[in-house]
Protein backbone atom coordinates (compact mmCIF):
# COMPACT_ATOMS: atom_id res chain seq x y z
CA MET A 1 0.53 -0.11 -0.29
CA ILE A 2 1.18 3.82 -0.96
CA SER A 3 1.14 6.07 2.03
CA THR A 4 -0.68 8.85 1.30
CA SER A 5 2.76 10.99 1.87
CA LEU A 6 4.26 9.19 -1.25
CA LEU A 7 0.86 9.21 -3.28
CA ASP A 8 0.46 12.90 -2.66
CA GLY A 9 3.93 13.26 -3.11
CA ILE A 10 3.35 12.31 -6.49
CA VAL A 11 0.62 14.44 -7.50
CA ASN A 12 2.57 17.37 -6.25
CA HIS A 13 5.39 16.87 -7.94
CA TRP A 14 4.90 14.59 -10.66
CA HIS A 15 6.35 17.08 -13.00
CA ILE A 16 9.69 15.52 -11.39
CA TRP A 17 8.72 12.01 -11.32
CA PHE A 18 7.84 11.79 -14.99
CA VAL A 19 11.48 13.62 -15.74
CA SER A 20 12.92 10.68 -13.47
CA ALA A 21 10.92 8.21 -15.35
CA VAL A 22 12.04 9.95 -18.75
CA LEU A 23 15.30 9.78 -17.32
CA VAL A 24 15.25 5.84 -15.80
CA VAL A 25 14.40 4.99 -19.29
CA ALA A 26 17.16 6.98 -20.57
CA ALA A 27 19.74 5.14 -19.48
CA VAL A 28 18.97 1.90 -19.64
CA ILE A 29 18.22 2.90 -23.08
CA ASP A 30 22.26 4.74 -24.25
CA GLY A 31 23.99 1.75 -21.19
CA TRP A 32 22.32 -1.13 -23.45
CA LYS A 33 22.65 0.70 -26.84
CA LEU A 34 25.09 3.77 -26.88
CA LYS A 35 22.76 5.93 -27.66
CA VAL A 36 19.99 8.71 -26.09
CA PRO A 37 17.45 8.20 -29.42
CA ASN A 38 15.80 11.37 -30.88
CA TRP A 39 12.18 10.07 -29.96
CA LEU A 40 12.65 10.04 -26.50
CA THR A 41 15.02 13.79 -26.23
CA PHE A 42 12.48 16.13 -28.26
CA PRO A 43 9.31 14.70 -26.48
CA MET A 44 10.76 15.31 -23.31
CA ILE A 45 12.33 18.56 -24.38
CA MET A 46 8.56 20.15 -26.06
CA SER A 47 6.75 18.27 -23.42
CA GLY A 48 8.71 20.77 -20.74
CA TRP A 49 8.05 23.67 -22.37
CA VAL A 50 3.80 22.38 -23.19
CA TYR A 51 4.47 22.23 -18.71
CA SER A 52 6.15 25.77 -17.97
CA PHE A 53 3.44 27.32 -20.05
CA ALA A 54 0.90 25.59 -18.56
CA SER A 55 2.36 26.06 -14.84
CA GLY A 56 3.94 30.21 -15.76
CA GLY A 57 2.52 31.01 -18.66
CA TRP A 58 4.94 33.32 -21.72
CA PRO A 59 7.13 33.99 -18.07
CA GLY A 60 7.55 30.34 -17.74
CA LEU A 61 7.97 29.23 -21.06
CA GLY A 62 10.81 31.51 -21.12
CA TRP A 63 12.17 30.24 -17.95
CA SER A 64 12.09 27.29 -19.31
CA LEU A 65 13.57 28.21 -23.26
CA LEU A 66 16.40 29.04 -21.85
CA ALA A 67 16.59 26.37 -19.32
CA THR A 68 16.16 24.66 -22.48
CA CYS A 69 19.55 26.56 -24.56
CA PHE A 70 20.93 26.11 -20.87
CA GLY A 71 21.26 22.22 -21.25
CA LEU A 72 22.79 22.64 -24.75
CA ALA A 73 24.84 24.93 -23.99
CA LEU A 74 26.53 22.82 -21.37
CA LEU A 75 27.09 19.62 -23.00
CA TYR A 76 27.45 21.58 -27.02
CA GLY A 77 31.75 21.76 -26.11
CA ILE A 78 31.66 18.87 -25.20
CA TYR A 79 29.91 16.97 -27.51
CA MET A 80 31.56 19.39 -31.12
CA VAL A 81 35.32 17.53 -30.10
CA GLY A 82 33.52 13.77 -29.67
CA GLY A 83 33.30 14.05 -26.47
CA MET A 84 29.72 12.37 -25.44
CA GLY A 85 27.35 11.61 -28.38
CA ALA A 86 24.40 13.90 -29.08
CA GLY A 87 21.50 12.27 -27.88
CA ASP A 88 22.88 13.16 -23.59
CA VAL A 89 22.88 16.70 -25.28
CA LYS A 90 19.68 16.82 -25.80
CA LEU A 91 18.84 14.64 -22.86
CA LEU A 92 20.68 17.59 -20.35
CA ALA A 93 18.70 20.32 -23.09
CA GLY A 94 14.97 18.06 -22.05
CA ILE A 95 16.08 18.16 -18.14
CA GLY A 96 16.31 22.07 -18.71
CA ALA A 97 12.26 23.05 -19.93
CA TRP A 98 11.38 21.15 -17.21
CA VAL A 99 13.07 22.44 -14.25
CA HIS A 100 14.99 25.39 -15.58
CA ALA A 101 18.15 26.56 -15.24
CA GLU A 102 18.99 26.37 -11.22
CA HIS A 103 18.45 23.36 -10.78
CA THR A 104 19.96 22.44 -14.89
CA TRP A 105 23.24 23.56 -13.62
CA ASN A 106 23.46 21.81 -10.36
CA ILE A 107 22.44 18.01 -12.86
CA PHE A 108 25.05 18.96 -14.70
CA ALA A 109 27.13 19.76 -11.77
CA THR A 110 26.43 16.02 -10.40
CA THR A 111 27.08 14.70 -13.28
CA ALA A 112 30.21 16.14 -13.44
CA ILE A 113 31.09 13.79 -10.34
CA VAL A 114 29.06 10.76 -10.79
CA GLY A 115 30.73 10.16 -14.36
CA GLY A 116 33.75 11.11 -13.60
CA VAL A 117 33.96 8.30 -10.55
CA MET A 118 32.34 5.85 -12.90
CA ALA A 119 34.48 5.93 -15.41
CA VAL A 120 37.26 6.21 -12.68
CA ALA A 121 36.03 2.63 -12.28
CA MET A 122 35.15 1.51 -15.71
CA ILE A 123 39.38 1.94 -15.74
CA ALA A 124 40.22 -0.14 -12.46
CA TYR A 125 37.57 -2.17 -13.81
CA SER A 126 39.86 -3.05 -17.20
CA GLY A 127 42.42 -2.92 -15.18
CA ARG A 128 44.27 -0.34 -17.74
CA TRP A 129 45.14 2.95 -16.70
CA LYS A 130 48.71 2.95 -18.61
CA LYS A 131 46.57 3.25 -21.72
CA HIS A 132 43.32 5.22 -20.48
CA PHE A 133 46.22 7.72 -18.85
CA GLN A 134 48.16 7.62 -22.52
CA GLN A 135 44.75 8.11 -24.28
CA PHE A 136 43.83 10.95 -22.18
CA ASN A 137 46.67 12.69 -22.87
CA MET A 138 46.11 12.01 -26.42
CA LEU A 139 43.36 13.47 -26.38
CA ILE A 140 44.74 16.30 -24.59
CA GLY A 141 47.70 17.22 -26.47
CA GLU A 142 44.78 16.97 -29.46
CA PHE A 143 42.98 19.79 -28.41
CA VAL A 144 45.48 21.87 -27.14
CA GLU A 145 46.95 21.67 -30.50
CA VAL A 146 44.53 21.00 -32.93
CA ARG A 147 41.93 23.57 -31.51
CA ASP A 148 39.19 23.43 -35.03
CA PRO A 149 36.35 21.14 -33.46
CA GLU A 150 35.37 19.89 -37.11
CA ALA A 151 39.06 18.28 -37.44
CA LEU A 152 37.85 17.66 -33.14
CA PHE A 153 35.35 15.90 -34.14
CA GLN A 154 36.14 14.21 -37.13
CA ARG A 155 39.44 12.73 -34.86
CA ALA A 156 36.77 11.87 -32.25
CA ALA A 157 34.32 9.35 -34.66
CA GLU A 158 37.39 7.94 -36.20
CA ARG A 159 38.78 6.43 -33.10
CA LYS A 160 35.72 6.23 -31.17
CA PRO A 161 35.27 2.55 -32.30
CA ARG A 162 38.34 1.07 -30.91
CA MET A 163 37.17 3.18 -26.95
CA TYR A 164 35.81 2.01 -24.62
CA LEU A 165 33.44 4.47 -23.65
CA LEU A 166 30.42 5.85 -20.73
CA PRO A 167 27.01 6.37 -21.59
CA TYR A 168 26.88 9.69 -20.61
CA GLY A 169 23.00 8.70 -19.37
CA VAL A 170 23.55 6.60 -17.03
CA PRO A 171 25.33 8.86 -14.51
CA MET A 172 22.65 11.62 -15.98
CA THR A 173 20.54 9.73 -14.78
CA ILE A 174 22.19 9.22 -11.27
CA ALA A 175 23.12 12.39 -10.41
CA ALA A 176 19.64 13.86 -11.36
CA LEU A 177 17.49 10.94 -9.35
CA GLY A 178 19.95 12.00 -6.44
CA TYR A 179 19.53 15.65 -6.89
CA PHE A 180 15.91 15.44 -6.62
CA ALA A 181 15.82 13.19 -3.99
CA PHE A 182 18.31 15.15 -2.21
CA GLN A 183 16.07 18.82 -2.36
CA GLY A 184 13.90 16.59 -1.37
CA MET A 185 11.37 17.14 -4.71
CA TYR A 186 9.58 14.03 -4.84
CA LEU A 187 7.58 14.75 -1.80
C-alpha cells in the first residue's frame, strides 16, 4: 500500500516523477545501445515547454526555453569535440525544459562528479590504467594542438569504435535522481 505522503508527493510533484521516469528509460537505452534516441529527447523537451507554459504562462515558457538552451550549451562543446553523443546533450536540454536553469546547472555539476567516478571505476575494472592515461594525454594534446572543433570531431569519430565508452545518460540519471531526492523534490 502506498503511503498518503508518497501519494501526495507523486500528485503534487508529478513533473519531477515524470522527468525521473524518462531519465531511467534514457539510462537503460544508453547503457544498452550507447545512444539516447531522439524519440525520447525531443518529446521530453517539447512537453517541458508545454508544462512550463501551462504552469507559469509566458514567463514560465521563457524560463523553460532559456534553460533548454542552457542545458544544450553546457554539453555542446564536449559533443563538438567528440566527448559525448548528441542524445546526451539533448537529454540535459530536456531536463532544463522541465526544471529550469538552476536545477539544470546543479544536475550538470553532479553528473560531472558521478561520471568521473564511473569512468575511474570502469578504468579500474579494466585494469588498463596506462592505456587510458595515454589516451587522455593524447586527447588533451589534440585539443590544445588542433583547436578546430570540426577536425577534433572527425578524429573522435574515427577513434570511437576503438574506445571504451561511458554511456553518459547513466551518470546523468543517477545524478538527477540523487539531486531530486536530496532537494526533497519528490515529496
